[in-house]
Amino acid sequence: MFASEPLEDLTENFCLAVESSDAPPEMAAFYRHESDGSLHCSVKVYFSPAAVEFAESIGAKPCSRPSIYGLCPIADSEQAIALLFPEEKPS
């Protein structure tokens, strides 16, 4: 509920970064609503390795590759799904 505005800002800034770079199709970002059992869920944003420069610029920390399930692409990252998750099919 409270994440929509920050997510919109992040999406806008990521789109600008993609447009201003020679972005490979693997440059992508995804988000997912995740719950740790508390009352509210949190929104987690995952950046592909090709987006590491942008991710670091906003203070993102490295993590292991997420499961494709429930990921929503940010910007035009849909093409990247097939490149980044070739062995998985989204539901």
PDB file of N, CA and C in Angstrom:
ATOM      1  N   MET A   1       0.821  -1.185   0.000  1.00  0.00           N
ATOM      2  CA  MET A   1       0.000   0.000   0.000  1.00  0.00           C
ATOM      3  C   MET A   1       0.873   1.260   0.000  1.00  0.00           C
ATOM      4  N   PHE A   2       1.938   1.252   0.797  1.00  0.00           N
ATOM      5  CA  PHE A   2       2.797   2.428   0.892  1.00  0.00           C
ATOM      6  C   PHE A   2       3.945   2.389  -0.110  1.00  0.00           C
ATOM      7  N   ALA A   3       4.065   1.302  -0.841  1.00  0.00           N
ATOM      8  CA  ALA A   3       5.201   1.137  -1.752  1.00  0.00           C
ATOM      9  C   ALA A   3       4.945   1.672  -3.148  1.00  0.00           C
ATOM     10  N   SER A   4       3.717   2.013  -3.469  1.00  0.00           N
ATOM     11  CA  SER A   4       3.418   2.381  -4.856  1.00  0.00           C
ATOM     12  C   SER A   4       4.184   3.612  -5.324  1.00  0.00           C
ATOM     13  N   GLU A   5       4.250   4.656  -4.521  1.00  0.00           N
ATOM     14  CA  GLU A   5       4.963   5.863  -4.953  1.00  0.00           C
ATOM     15  C   GLU A   5       6.471   5.627  -5.077  1.00  0.00           C
ATOM     16  N   PRO A   6       7.125   5.025  -4.076  1.00  0.00           N
ATOM     17  CA  PRO A   6       8.557   4.747  -4.253  1.00  0.00           C
ATOM     18  C   PRO A   6       8.830   3.798  -5.435  1.00  0.00           C
ATOM     19  N   LEU A   7       7.950   2.835  -5.667  1.00  0.00           N
ATOM     20  CA  LEU A   7       8.131   1.923  -6.793  1.00  0.00           C
ATOM     21  C   LEU A   7       7.980   2.661  -8.115  1.00  0.00           C
ATOM     22  N   GLU A   8       7.051   3.599  -8.188  1.00  0.00           N
ATOM     23  CA  GLU A   8       6.898   4.417  -9.401  1.00  0.00           C
ATOM     24  C   GLU A   8       8.153   5.265  -9.646  1.00  0.00           C
ATOM     25  N   ASP A   9       8.694   5.849  -8.588  1.00  0.00           N
ATOM     26  CA  ASP A   9       9.916   6.651  -8.714  1.00  0.00           C
ATOM     27  C   ASP A   9      11.082   5.787  -9.178  1.00  0.00           C
ATOM     28  N   LEU A  10      11.214   4.614  -8.579  1.00  0.00           N
ATOM     29  CA  LEU A  10      12.284   3.709  -8.962  1.00  0.00           C
ATOM     30  C   LEU A  10      12.129   3.279 -10.419  1.00  0.00           C
ATOM     31  N   THR A  11      10.913   2.967 -10.830  1.00  0.00           N
ATOM     32  CA  THR A  11      10.640   2.565 -12.211  1.00  0.00           C
ATOM     33  C   THR A  11      11.034   3.679 -13.176  1.00  0.00           C
ATOM     34  N   GLU A  12      10.653   4.896 -12.856  1.00  0.00           N
ATOM     35  CA  GLU A  12      10.989   6.037 -13.717  1.00  0.00           C
ATOM     36  C   GLU A  12      12.502   6.208 -13.833  1.00  0.00           C
ATOM     37  N   ASN A  13      13.189   6.135 -12.704  1.00  0.00           N
ATOM     38  CA  ASN A  13      14.642   6.305 -12.715  1.00  0.00           C
ATOM     39  C   ASN A  13      15.334   5.144 -13.432  1.00  0.00           C
ATOM     40  N   PHE A  14      14.831   3.942 -13.255  1.00  0.00           N
ATOM     41  CA  PHE A  14      15.422   2.789 -13.943  1.00  0.00           C
ATOM     42  C   PHE A  14      15.218   2.916 -15.448  1.00  0.00           C
ATOM     43  N   CYS A  15      14.034   3.320 -15.863  1.00  0.00           N
ATOM     44  CA  CYS A  15      13.762   3.507 -17.298  1.00  0.00           C
ATOM     45  C   CYS A  15      14.700   4.548 -17.900  1.00  0.00           C
ATOM     46  N   LEU A  16      14.929   5.637 -17.169  1.00  0.00           N
ATOM     47  CA  LEU A  16      15.863   6.667 -17.645  1.00  0.00           C
ATOM     48  C   LEU A  16      17.280   6.100 -17.770  1.00  0.00           C
ATOM     49  N   ALA A  17      17.679   5.285 -16.795  1.00  0.00           N
ATOM     50  CA  ALA A  17      19.017   4.679 -16.840  1.00  0.00           C
ATOM     51  C   ALA A  17      19.146   3.738 -18.027  1.00  0.00           C
ATOM     52  N   VAL A  18      18.105   2.966 -18.295  1.00  0.00           N
ATOM     53  CA  VAL A  18      18.129   2.040 -19.430  1.00  0.00           C
ATOM     54  C   VAL A  18      18.209   2.826 -20.733  1.00  0.00           C
ATOM     55  N   GLU A  19      17.391   3.864 -20.854  1.00  0.00           N
ATOM     56  CA  GLU A  19      17.369   4.668 -22.073  1.00  0.00           C
ATOM     57  C   GLU A  19      18.694   5.388 -22.325  1.00  0.00           C
ATOM     58  N   SER A  20      19.361   5.801 -21.266  1.00  0.00           N
ATOM     59  CA  SER A  20      20.591   6.571 -21.436  1.00  0.00           C
ATOM     60  C   SER A  20      21.835   5.699 -21.579  1.00  0.00           C
ATOM     61  N   SER A  21      21.654   4.388 -21.496  1.00  0.00           N
ATOM     62  CA  SER A  21      22.804   3.498 -21.629  1.00  0.00           C
ATOM     63  C   SER A  21      22.660   2.655 -22.887  1.00  0.00           C
ATOM     64  N   ASP A  22      23.708   1.966 -23.197  1.00  0.00           N
ATOM     65  CA  ASP A  22      23.658   0.993 -24.279  1.00  0.00           C
ATOM     66  C   ASP A  22      23.182  -0.318 -23.653  1.00  0.00           C
ATOM     67  N   ALA A  23      21.995  -0.298 -23.150  1.00  0.00           N
ATOM     68  CA  ALA A  23      21.486  -1.377 -22.320  1.00  0.00           C
ATOM     69  C   ALA A  23      21.307  -2.673 -23.091  1.00  0.00           C
ATOM     70  N   PRO A  24      21.947  -3.717 -22.614  1.00  0.00           N
ATOM     71  CA  PRO A  24      21.702  -5.021 -23.219  1.00  0.00           C
ATOM     72  C   PRO A  24      20.319  -5.518 -22.805  1.00  0.00           C
ATOM     73  N   PRO A  25      19.746  -6.462 -23.545  1.00  0.00           N
ATOM     74  CA  PRO A  25      18.421  -6.966 -23.186  1.00  0.00           C
ATOM     75  C   PRO A  25      18.386  -7.596 -21.791  1.00  0.00           C
ATOM     76  N   GLU A  26      19.559  -7.980 -21.290  1.00  0.00           N
ATOM     77  CA  GLU A  26      19.617  -8.594 -19.957  1.00  0.00           C
ATOM     78  C   GLU A  26      19.544  -7.564 -18.827  1.00  0.00           C
ATOM     79  N   MET A  27      19.572  -6.277 -19.174  1.00  0.00           N
ATOM     80  CA  MET A  27      19.475  -5.238 -18.138  1.00  0.00           C
ATOM     81  C   MET A  27      18.015  -5.130 -17.746  1.00  0.00           C
ATOM     82  N   ALA A  28      17.722  -5.628 -16.562  1.00  0.00           N
ATOM     83  CA  ALA A  28      16.327  -5.728 -16.159  1.00  0.00           C
ATOM     84  C   ALA A  28      16.167  -5.528 -14.663  1.00  0.00           C
ATOM     85  N   ALA A  29      14.940  -5.245 -14.295  1.00  0.00           N
ATOM     86  CA  ALA A  29      14.568  -5.141 -12.892  1.00  0.00           C
ATOM     87  C   ALA A  29      13.183  -5.750 -12.738  1.00  0.00           C
ATOM     88  N   PHE A  30      12.970  -6.387 -11.615  1.00  0.00           N
ATOM     89  CA  PHE A  30      11.699  -7.040 -11.317  1.00  0.00           C
ATOM     90  C   PHE A  30      11.330  -6.746  -9.877  1.00  0.00           C
ATOM     91  N   TYR A  31      10.047  -6.798  -9.582  1.00  0.00           N
ATOM     92  CA  TYR A  31       9.632  -6.650  -8.186  1.00  0.00           C
ATOM     93  C   TYR A  31       8.642  -7.750  -7.832  1.00  0.00           C
ATOM     94  N   ARG A  32       8.511  -7.970  -6.534  1.00  0.00           N
ATOM     95  CA  ARG A  32       7.576  -8.969  -6.035  1.00  0.00           C
ATOM     96  C   ARG A  32       7.146  -8.557  -4.635  1.00  0.00           C
ATOM     97  N   HIS A  33       5.889  -8.762  -4.335  1.00  0.00           N
ATOM     98  CA  HIS A  33       5.386  -8.566  -2.975  1.00  0.00           C
ATOM     99  C   HIS A  33       5.712  -9.838  -2.193  1.00  0.00           C
ATOM    100  N   GLU A  34       6.394  -9.678  -1.076  1.00  0.00           N
ATOM    101  CA  GLU A  34       6.803 -10.829  -0.274  1.00  0.00           C
ATOM    102  C   GLU A  34       6.378 -10.613   1.173  1.00  0.00           C
ATOM    103  N   SER A  35       6.045 -11.698   1.816  1.00  0.00           N
ATOM    104  CA  SER A  35       5.621 -11.637   3.211  1.00  0.00           C
ATOM    105  C   SER A  35       6.545 -12.485   4.060  1.00  0.00           C
ATOM    106  N   ASP A  36       6.892 -11.953   5.211  1.00  0.00           N
ATOM    107  CA  ASP A  36       7.689 -12.734   6.160  1.00  0.00           C
ATOM    108  C   ASP A  36       6.825 -13.201   7.324  1.00  0.00           C
ATOM    109  N   GLY A  37       5.510 -13.160   7.126  1.00  0.00           N
ATOM    110  CA  GLY A  37       4.586 -13.601   8.156  1.00  0.00           C
ATOM    111  C   GLY A  37       4.005 -12.468   8.989  1.00  0.00           C
ATOM    112  N   SER A  38       4.479 -11.256   8.774  1.00  0.00           N
ATOM    113  CA  SER A  38       3.941 -10.124   9.529  1.00  0.00           C
ATOM    114  C   SER A  38       2.652  -9.634   8.872  1.00  0.00           C
ATOM    115  N   LEU A  39       2.052  -8.631   9.440  1.00  0.00           N
ATOM    116  CA  LEU A  39       0.778  -8.110   8.961  1.00  0.00           C
ATOM    117  C   LEU A  39       0.869  -7.597   7.528  1.00  0.00           C
ATOM    118  N   HIS A  40       1.948  -6.896   7.211  1.00  0.00           N
ATOM    119  CA  HIS A  40       2.103  -6.309   5.887  1.00  0.00           C
ATOM    120  C   HIS A  40       3.196  -7.030   5.107  1.00  0.00           C
ATOM    121  N   CYS A  41       3.025  -7.058   3.809  1.00  0.00           N
ATOM    122  CA  CYS A  41       4.087  -7.611   2.969  1.00  0.00           C
ATOM    123  C   CYS A  41       5.023  -6.475   2.584  1.00  0.00           C
ATOM    124  N   SER A  42       6.153  -6.844   2.059  1.00  0.00           N
ATOM    125  CA  SER A  42       7.094  -5.838   1.581  1.00  0.00           C
ATOM    126  C   SER A  42       7.297  -6.050   0.089  1.00  0.00           C
ATOM    127  N   VAL A  43       7.753  -5.011  -0.559  1.00  0.00           N
ATOM    128  CA  VAL A  43       8.040  -5.088  -1.979  1.00  0.00           C
ATOM    129  C   VAL A  43       9.543  -5.233  -2.117  1.00  0.00           C
ATOM    130  N   LYS A  44       9.965  -6.298  -2.766  1.00  0.00           N
ATOM    131  CA  LYS A  44      11.387  -6.541  -3.011  1.00  0.00           C
ATOM    132  C   LYS A  44      11.645  -6.310  -4.492  1.00  0.00           C
ATOM    133  N   VAL A  45      12.709  -5.599  -4.781  1.00  0.00           N
ATOM    134  CA  VAL A  45      13.098  -5.327  -6.161  1.00  0.00           C
ATOM    135  C   VAL A  45      14.404  -6.061  -6.424  1.00  0.00           C
ATOM    136  N   TYR A  46      14.425  -6.762  -7.539  1.00  0.00           N
ATOM    137  CA  TYR A  46      15.598  -7.529  -7.944  1.00  0.00           C
ATOM    138  C   TYR A  46      16.122  -6.961  -9.256  1.00  0.00           C
ATOM    139  N   PHE A  47      17.436  -6.732  -9.306  1.00  0.00           N
ATOM    140  CA  PHE A  47      18.079  -6.221 -10.509  1.00  0.00           C
ATOM    141  C   PHE A  47      18.942  -7.319 -11.110  1.00  0.00           C
ATOM    142  N   SER A  48      18.953  -7.382 -12.416  1.00  0.00           N
ATOM    143  CA  SER A  48      19.807  -8.358 -13.093  1.00  0.00           C
ATOM    144  C   SER A  48      21.260  -7.918 -12.970  1.00  0.00           C
ATOM    145  N   PRO A  49      22.192  -8.845 -13.173  1.00  0.00           N
ATOM    146  CA  PRO A  49      23.609  -8.473 -13.109  1.00  0.00           C
ATOM    147  C   PRO A  49      23.978  -7.340 -14.074  1.00  0.00           C
ATOM    148  N   ALA A  50      23.291  -7.251 -15.201  1.00  0.00           N
ATOM    149  CA  ALA A  50      23.584  -6.178 -16.161  1.00  0.00           C
ATOM    150  C   ALA A  50      23.134  -4.809 -15.653  1.00  0.00           C
ATOM    151  N   ALA A  51      22.358  -4.783 -14.601  1.00  0.00           N
ATOM    152  CA  ALA A  51      21.866  -3.531 -14.018  1.00  0.00           C
ATOM    153  C   ALA A  51      22.597  -3.191 -12.720  1.00  0.00           C
ATOM    154  N   VAL A  52      23.743  -3.817 -12.498  1.00  0.00           N
ATOM    155  CA  VAL A  52      24.444  -3.649 -11.230  1.00  0.00           C
ATOM    156  C   VAL A  52      24.840  -2.199 -10.965  1.00  0.00           C
ATOM    157  N   GLU A  53      25.244  -1.472 -11.983  1.00  0.00           N
ATOM    158  CA  GLU A  53      25.650  -0.074 -11.773  1.00  0.00           C
ATOM    159  C   GLU A  53      24.488   0.755 -11.237  1.00  0.00           C
ATOM    160  N   PHE A  54      23.311   0.593 -11.828  1.00  0.00           N
ATOM    161  CA  PHE A  54      22.140   1.321 -11.341  1.00  0.00           C
ATOM    162  C   PHE A  54      21.786   0.857  -9.930  1.00  0.00           C
ATOM    163  N   ALA A  55      21.778  -0.459  -9.727  1.00  0.00           N
ATOM    164  CA  ALA A  55      21.419  -1.007  -8.412  1.00  0.00           C
ATOM    165  C   ALA A  55      22.322  -0.460  -7.311  1.00  0.00           C
ATOM    166  N   GLU A  56      23.620  -0.444  -7.581  1.00  0.00           N
ATOM    167  CA  GLU A  56      24.559   0.079  -6.584  1.00  0.00           C
ATOM    168  C   GLU A  56      24.341   1.567  -6.343  1.00  0.00           C
ATOM    169  N   SER A  57      23.945   2.296  -7.384  1.00  0.00           N
ATOM    170  CA  SER A  57      23.753   3.743  -7.240  1.00  0.00           C
ATOM    171  C   SER A  57      22.595   4.089  -6.315  1.00  0.00           C
ATOM    172  N   ILE A  58      21.673   3.160  -6.127  1.00  0.00           N
ATOM    173  CA  ILE A  58      20.542   3.421  -5.224  1.00  0.00           C
ATOM    174  C   ILE A  58      20.675   2.658  -3.901  1.00  0.00           C
ATOM    175  N   GLY A  59      21.820   2.020  -3.702  1.00  0.00           N
ATOM    176  CA  GLY A  59      22.078   1.354  -2.435  1.00  0.00           C
ATOM    177  C   GLY A  59      21.579  -0.078  -2.343  1.00  0.00           C
ATOM    178  N   ALA A  60      21.267  -0.689  -3.480  1.00  0.00           N
ATOM    179  CA  ALA A  60      20.822  -2.089  -3.457  1.00  0.00           C
ATOM    180  C   ALA A  60      21.992  -2.987  -3.079  1.00  0.00           C
ATOM    181  N   LYS A  61      21.674  -4.080  -2.433  1.00  0.00           N
ATOM    182  CA  LYS A  61      22.682  -5.044  -1.993  1.00  0.00           C
ATOM    183  C   LYS A  61      22.564  -6.321  -2.815  1.00  0.00           C
ATOM    184  N   PRO A  62      23.686  -6.985  -3.086  1.00  0.00           N
ATOM    185  CA  PRO A  62      23.647  -8.240  -3.844  1.00  0.00           C
ATOM    186  C   PRO A  62      22.860  -9.320  -3.100  1.00  0.00           C
ATOM    187  N   CYS A  63      22.230 -10.185  -3.871  1.00  0.00           N
ATOM    188  CA  CYS A  63      21.506 -11.316  -3.304  1.00  0.00           C
ATOM    189  C   CYS A  63      21.580 -12.472  -4.293  1.00  0.00           C
ATOM    190  N   SER A  64      21.102 -13.613  -3.874  1.00  0.00           N
ATOM    191  CA  SER A  64      21.071 -14.748  -4.799  1.00  0.00           C
ATOM    192  C   SER A  64      19.946 -14.544  -5.807  1.00  0.00           C
ATOM    193  N   ARG A  65      20.017 -15.255  -6.895  1.00  0.00           N
ATOM    194  CA  ARG A  65      19.010 -15.135  -7.949  1.00  0.00           C
ATOM    195  C   ARG A  65      17.645 -15.556  -7.416  1.00  0.00           C
ATOM    196  N   PRO A  66      16.630 -14.723  -7.615  1.00  0.00           N
ATOM    197  CA  PRO A  66      15.295 -15.073  -7.117  1.00  0.00           C
ATOM    198  C   PRO A  66      14.622 -16.092  -8.033  1.00  0.00           C
ATOM    199  N   SER A  67      13.599 -16.706  -7.514  1.00  0.00           N
ATOM    200  CA  SER A  67      12.744 -17.560  -8.340  1.00  0.00           C
ATOM    201  C   SER A  67      11.940 -16.649  -9.259  1.00  0.00           C
ATOM    202  N   ILE A  68      11.627 -17.134 -10.424  1.00  0.00           N
ATOM    203  CA  ILE A  68      10.856 -16.359 -11.393  1.00  0.00           C
ATOM    204  C   ILE A  68       9.400 -16.179 -10.950  1.00  0.00           C
ATOM    205  N   TYR A  69       8.914 -17.044 -10.123  1.00  0.00           N
ATOM    206  CA  TYR A  69       7.504 -17.062  -9.755  1.00  0.00           C
ATOM    207  C   TYR A  69       7.104 -15.823  -8.956  1.00  0.00           C
ATOM    208  N   GLY A  70       6.121 -15.117  -9.470  1.00  0.00           N
ATOM    209  CA  GLY A  70       5.614 -13.921  -8.828  1.00  0.00           C
ATOM    210  C   GLY A  70       6.360 -12.649  -9.177  1.00  0.00           C
ATOM    211  N   LEU A  71       7.408 -12.755  -9.989  1.00  0.00           N
ATOM    212  CA  LEU A  71       8.154 -11.551 -10.372  1.00  0.00           C
ATOM    213  C   LEU A  71       7.368 -10.750 -11.405  1.00  0.00           C
ATOM    214  N   CYS A  72       7.358  -9.455 -11.216  1.00  0.00           N
ATOM    215  CA  CYS A  72       6.720  -8.548 -12.162  1.00  0.00           C
ATOM    216  C   CYS A  72       7.815  -7.686 -12.774  1.00  0.00           C
ATOM    217  N   PRO A  73       7.871  -7.608 -14.088  1.00  0.00           N
ATOM    218  CA  PRO A  73       8.930  -6.818 -14.714  1.00  0.00           C
ATOM    219  C   PRO A  73       8.727  -5.327 -14.510  1.00  0.00           C
ATOM    220  N   ILE A  74       9.822  -4.619 -14.344  1.00  0.00           N
ATOM    221  CA  ILE A  74       9.822  -3.161 -14.293  1.00  0.00           C
ATOM    222  C   ILE A  74      10.305  -2.701 -15.660  1.00  0.00           C
ATOM    223  N   ALA A  75       9.636  -1.738 -16.217  1.00  0.00           N
ATOM    224  CA  ALA A  75       9.974  -1.215 -17.548  1.00  0.00           C
ATOM    225  C   ALA A  75       9.731  -2.298 -18.584  1.00  0.00           C
ATOM    226  N   ASP A  76      10.565  -2.354 -19.592  1.00  0.00           N
ATOM    227  CA  ASP A  76      10.412  -3.345 -20.647  1.00  0.00           C
ATOM    228  C   ASP A  76      11.328  -4.528 -20.399  1.00  0.00           C
ATOM    229  N   SER A  77      11.264  -5.087 -19.214  1.00  0.00           N
ATOM    230  CA  SER A  77      12.155  -6.173 -18.837  1.00  0.00           C
ATOM    231  C   SER A  77      11.611  -7.545 -19.211  1.00  0.00           C
ATOM    232  N   GLU A  78      10.455  -7.596 -19.869  1.00  0.00           N
ATOM    233  CA  GLU A  78       9.855  -8.893 -20.179  1.00  0.00           C
ATOM    234  C   GLU A  78      10.750  -9.748 -21.062  1.00  0.00           C
ATOM    235  N   GLN A  79      11.447  -9.144 -22.018  1.00  0.00           N
ATOM    236  CA  GLN A  79      12.348  -9.903 -22.879  1.00  0.00           C
ATOM    237  C   GLN A  79      13.458 -10.542 -22.055  1.00  0.00           C
ATOM    238  N   ALA A  80      13.847  -9.887 -20.996  1.00  0.00           N
ATOM    239  CA  ALA A  80      14.937 -10.387 -20.165  1.00  0.00           C
ATOM    240  C   ALA A  80      14.563 -11.667 -19.433  1.00  0.00           C
ATOM    241  N   ILE A  81      13.286 -11.909 -19.213  1.00  0.00           N
ATOM    242  CA  ILE A  81      12.874 -13.116 -18.495  1.00  0.00           C
ATOM    243  C   ILE A  81      13.409 -14.356 -19.193  1.00  0.00           C
ATOM    244  N   ALA A  82      13.227 -14.435 -20.495  1.00  0.00           N
ATOM    245  CA  ALA A  82      13.697 -15.607 -21.243  1.00  0.00           C
ATOM    246  C   ALA A  82      15.217 -15.720 -21.197  1.00  0.00           C
ATOM    247  N   LEU A  83      15.907 -14.588 -21.168  1.00  0.00           N
ATOM    248  CA  LEU A  83      17.368 -14.602 -21.127  1.00  0.00           C
ATOM    249  C   LEU A  83      17.913 -14.945 -19.740  1.00  0.00           C
ATOM    250  N   LEU A  84      17.254 -14.441 -18.710  1.00  0.00           N
ATOM    251  CA  LEU A  84      17.750 -14.635 -17.342  1.00  0.00           C
ATOM    252  C   LEU A  84      17.241 -15.902 -16.680  1.00  0.00           C
ATOM    253  N   PHE A  85      16.100 -16.394 -17.134  1.00  0.00           N
ATOM    254  CA  PHE A  85      15.489 -17.594 -16.542  1.00  0.00           C
ATOM    255  C   PHE A  85      15.151 -18.605 -17.645  1.00  0.00           C
ATOM    256  N   PRO A  86      16.126 -19.043 -18.428  1.00  0.00           N
ATOM    257  CA  PRO A  86      15.807 -19.910 -19.570  1.00  0.00           C
ATOM    258  C   PRO A  86      15.215 -21.262 -19.181  1.00  0.00           C
ATOM    259  N   GLU A  87      15.523 -21.739 -18.007  1.00  0.00           N
ATOM    260  CA  GLU A  87      15.045 -23.055 -17.599  1.00  0.00           C
ATOM    261  C   GLU A  87      13.706 -23.016 -16.856  1.00  0.00           C
ATOM    262  N   GLU A  88      13.202 -21.831 -16.588  1.00  0.00           N
ATOM    263  CA  GLU A  88      11.947 -21.697 -15.846  1.00  0.00           C
ATOM    264  C   GLU A  88      10.883 -21.048 -16.710  1.00  0.00           C
ATOM    265  N   LYS A  89       9.652 -21.391 -16.458  1.00  0.00           N
ATOM    266  CA  LYS A  89       8.539 -20.782 -17.156  1.00  0.00           C
ATOM    267  C   LYS A  89       7.658 -20.106 -16.113  1.00  0.00           C
ATOM    268  N   PRO A  90       7.306 -18.824 -16.325  1.00  0.00           N
ATOM    269  CA  PRO A  90       6.457 -18.113 -15.360  1.00  0.00           C
ATOM    270  C   PRO A  90       5.062 -18.714 -15.331  1.00  0.00           C
ATOM    271  N   SER A  91       4.424 -18.556 -14.188  1.00  0.00           N
ATOM    272  CA  SER A  91       3.047 -19.069 -14.065  1.00  0.00           C
ATOM    273  C   SER A  91       2.040 -17.976 -14.353  1.00  0.00           C
TER     274      SER A  91
END
